[in-house]
Protein backbone atom coordinates (compact mmCIF):
# COMPACT_ATOMS: atom_id res chain seq x y z
CA MET A 1 24.01 -6.14 12.73
CA SER A 2 24.34 -9.74 13.59
CA THR A 3 27.82 -10.26 15.01
CA ILE A 4 27.94 -13.86 13.81
CA THR A 5 27.14 -13.45 10.12
CA GLY A 6 27.88 -9.77 9.52
CA GLN A 7 24.42 -9.47 7.95
CA PRO A 8 21.65 -7.25 9.25
CA ALA A 9 19.46 -8.92 11.84
CA VAL A 10 16.26 -10.09 10.20
CA GLN A 11 12.91 -9.32 11.74
CA PRO A 12 11.66 -12.62 13.18
CA ASP A 13 8.43 -12.64 11.19
CA ILE A 14 10.32 -12.23 7.90
CA GLN A 15 12.55 -15.14 8.87
CA ALA A 16 9.49 -17.23 9.77
CA ILE A 17 8.06 -16.58 6.31
CA LEU A 18 11.35 -17.48 4.62
CA ASP A 19 11.59 -20.65 6.69
CA ARG A 20 8.31 -21.87 5.20
CA TYR A 21 9.94 -21.76 1.76
CA THR A 22 13.06 -23.80 2.51
CA ASP A 23 13.23 -25.69 -0.78
CA ALA A 24 11.71 -22.90 -2.81
CA GLY A 25 13.06 -21.73 -6.09
CA ARG A 26 12.21 -18.72 -8.19
CA ASP A 27 8.58 -19.85 -8.35
CA ALA A 28 8.23 -18.81 -4.71
CA LEU A 29 9.17 -15.18 -5.38
CA ILE A 30 5.68 -13.73 -5.82
CA PRO A 31 4.13 -15.69 -2.93
CA LEU A 32 7.03 -14.60 -0.71
CA LEU A 33 6.61 -10.97 -1.73
CA GLN A 34 2.87 -11.17 -1.11
CA GLU A 35 3.26 -12.76 2.31
CA VAL A 36 5.95 -10.34 3.47
CA GLN A 37 3.89 -7.37 2.30
CA GLU A 38 0.78 -8.74 3.98
CA THR A 39 2.71 -9.08 7.24
CA HIS A 40 4.54 -5.73 7.12
CA GLY A 41 2.28 -3.62 4.93
CA TYR A 42 5.03 -3.03 2.38
CA LEU A 43 8.29 -4.43 1.02
CA SER A 44 11.25 -2.93 2.84
CA ARG A 45 14.80 -2.92 1.47
CA GLU A 46 15.73 -5.39 4.18
CA ALA A 47 12.93 -7.75 3.19
CA ILE A 48 13.90 -7.61 -0.48
CA ALA A 49 17.53 -8.26 0.35
CA ARG A 50 16.61 -11.24 2.55
CA ILE A 51 14.26 -12.71 -0.06
CA GLY A 52 17.03 -12.34 -2.65
CA GLU A 53 19.53 -14.12 -0.42
CA HIS A 54 17.02 -16.85 0.35
CA LEU A 55 16.17 -17.47 -3.32
CA HIS A 56 19.71 -16.76 -4.56
CA LEU A 57 18.48 -13.86 -6.68
CA PRO A 58 19.95 -10.36 -6.90
CA ALA A 59 17.87 -7.58 -5.34
CA SER A 60 17.59 -5.98 -8.79
CA LYS A 61 15.65 -9.01 -10.05
CA ILE A 62 13.36 -8.89 -7.02
CA TYR A 63 12.70 -5.18 -7.59
CA GLY A 64 12.14 -5.86 -11.30
CA VAL A 65 9.41 -8.36 -10.54
CA ALA A 66 7.87 -6.36 -7.69
CA THR A 67 7.71 -3.11 -9.68
CA PHE A 68 6.00 -4.91 -12.56
CA TYR A 69 2.93 -5.59 -10.39
CA ASN A 70 0.86 -2.73 -9.01
CA GLN A 71 0.00 -4.70 -5.88
CA PHE A 72 3.45 -4.28 -4.33
CA ARG A 73 4.42 -1.24 -2.25
CA PHE A 74 7.86 -0.08 -1.16
CA LEU A 75 6.72 2.44 1.44
CA PRO A 76 4.53 1.88 4.48
CA LEU A 77 0.89 2.82 4.15
CA GLY A 78 -0.54 5.68 6.12
CA ARG A 79 -2.81 5.15 9.07
CA TYR A 80 -5.65 5.94 6.65
CA HIS A 81 -5.12 4.22 3.32
CA ILE A 82 -7.33 5.93 0.76
CA GLN A 83 -8.19 4.11 -2.45
CA VAL A 84 -9.89 6.22 -5.10
CA CYS A 85 -11.79 4.27 -7.73
CA ARG A 86 -11.22 5.41 -11.30
CA GLY A 87 -13.32 2.75 -12.99
CA THR A 88 -15.70 3.69 -15.79
CA ALA A 89 -18.78 4.28 -13.63
CA CYS A 90 -16.80 6.31 -11.09
CA HIS A 91 -15.08 8.26 -13.86
CA VAL A 92 -18.40 9.16 -15.48
CA LYS A 93 -19.82 10.20 -12.09
CA GLY A 94 -16.90 12.49 -11.25
CA SER A 95 -14.13 10.53 -9.56
CA LEU A 96 -11.47 12.76 -11.12
CA GLY A 97 -12.84 15.67 -9.09
CA VAL A 98 -12.83 13.47 -5.98
CA LEU A 99 -9.23 12.42 -6.65
CA ASP A 100 -8.18 16.03 -7.25
CA ALA A 101 -9.84 17.07 -3.97
CA VAL A 102 -7.91 14.40 -2.06
CA ARG A 103 -4.66 15.33 -3.78
CA GLN A 104 -5.10 19.04 -3.08
CA ASP A 105 -6.35 18.62 0.48
CA LEU A 106 -3.52 16.29 1.47
CA GLY A 107 -0.83 17.64 -0.87
CA LEU A 108 -0.32 14.04 -1.88
CA GLU A 109 0.16 12.17 -5.13
CA PRO A 110 -1.04 8.59 -5.69
CA GLY A 111 1.38 5.99 -4.41
CA LYS A 112 2.66 8.29 -1.66
CA THR A 113 2.15 8.71 2.08
CA THR A 114 1.99 12.01 3.94
CA ARG A 115 5.09 12.90 5.96
CA ASP A 116 3.20 12.48 9.22
CA GLY A 117 2.25 8.93 8.16
CA LEU A 118 -1.43 9.70 8.53
CA PHE A 119 -2.65 9.29 4.93
CA SER A 120 -1.63 7.26 1.91
CA LEU A 121 -3.28 7.52 -1.50
CA GLU A 122 -3.82 4.88 -4.15
CA VAL A 123 -5.75 5.01 -7.40
CA VAL A 124 -7.46 1.73 -8.26
CA ALA A 125 -8.98 0.62 -11.54
CA CYS A 126 -12.24 -0.57 -10.00
CA ILE A 127 -13.49 -1.14 -6.47
CA GLY A 128 -16.57 -3.03 -7.65
CA ALA A 129 -19.17 -0.67 -6.23
CA CYS A 130 -20.23 0.85 -9.53
CA GLY A 131 -23.82 1.53 -8.47
CA LEU A 132 -22.52 3.80 -5.69
CA ALA A 133 -20.15 5.82 -7.86
CA PRO A 134 -18.00 7.74 -7.29
CA VAL A 135 -16.52 5.68 -4.47
CA ILE A 136 -13.45 5.73 -2.27
CA CYS A 137 -12.37 3.11 0.22
CA ILE A 138 -10.54 4.09 3.41
CA ASN A 139 -9.11 1.15 5.37
CA GLY A 140 -11.78 -1.13 3.92
CA GLU A 141 -14.69 1.25 4.60
CA PHE A 142 -16.55 2.44 1.51
CA HIS A 143 -17.70 6.03 1.02
CA ALA A 144 -20.19 6.40 -1.81
CA ASN A 145 -21.82 9.06 -3.99
CA LEU A 146 -18.96 11.44 -3.29
CA THR A 147 -18.32 14.98 -4.32
CA PRO A 148 -15.13 16.95 -3.75
CA GLN A 149 -16.85 18.70 -0.81
CA LYS A 150 -17.92 15.39 0.78
CA VAL A 151 -14.44 13.91 0.51
CA ARG A 152 -12.90 17.01 2.13
CA ARG A 153 -15.38 16.61 5.01
CA ILE A 154 -14.36 12.96 5.41
CA LEU A 155 -10.67 13.94 5.54
CA ASP A 156 -11.42 16.62 8.14
CA GLU A 157 -13.30 14.05 10.24
CA LEU A 158 -10.32 11.69 10.11
CA ARG A 159 -7.96 14.47 11.20
CA GLU A 160 -10.33 15.38 14.02
CA GLU A 161 -10.44 11.74 15.10
CA VAL A 162 -6.66 11.73 15.43
CA GLU A 163 -6.61 15.05 17.30
CA ASN A 164 -9.17 13.73 19.80
CA GLU A 165 -6.94 10.75 20.55
CA GLU A 166 -4.04 12.97 21.56
C-alpha cells in the first residue's frame, strides 16, 4: 500500500502506460487494455482498477468491455501457451481429437492454465495454416499435421525440457 494515497502501489510499467494516456477518455480503454496485457501477459485486478481510476470508469465497465473480446485474458499464461486451431480445415482434418488429447493429457480446459504454471490452453478460430492442418501453435512455433499421439509426444518433450533445466 502506498502510505501517501492509501491506494495499492502501482507497478511502474502500468503507470508508464497510463501516463501516455493523460488526456484520454473512454476511447482509450481498448488500447490501454491491449497495451497492459501486452506488457504483463494478462489483465490483473490491479491493472483493471488502475485503468478504471485513470479513465474515471467503474471496474465493472472495464470488465464488461474486456470480457466481450476474446483477446483479453484475466489469468497469466503458462510458460507454454498452446493454441489449438479449430478452423474448418483443421476441424475436417481432426483438430477435435488433437484438442481432446491436449485436454486429457494436461487435465486442462481452454482458457485455463495448469496449477504449476507450465501450460495454458486456448482454442482459436483459425491460425491461418490451413494447408498444414490440423495445427497447434506453442509460443509462436507451429506444429503441423498432428494426431493425438503426436501432440502427446510434443507435450512430453516440453515436460522433459523443463525437467532437464532443473
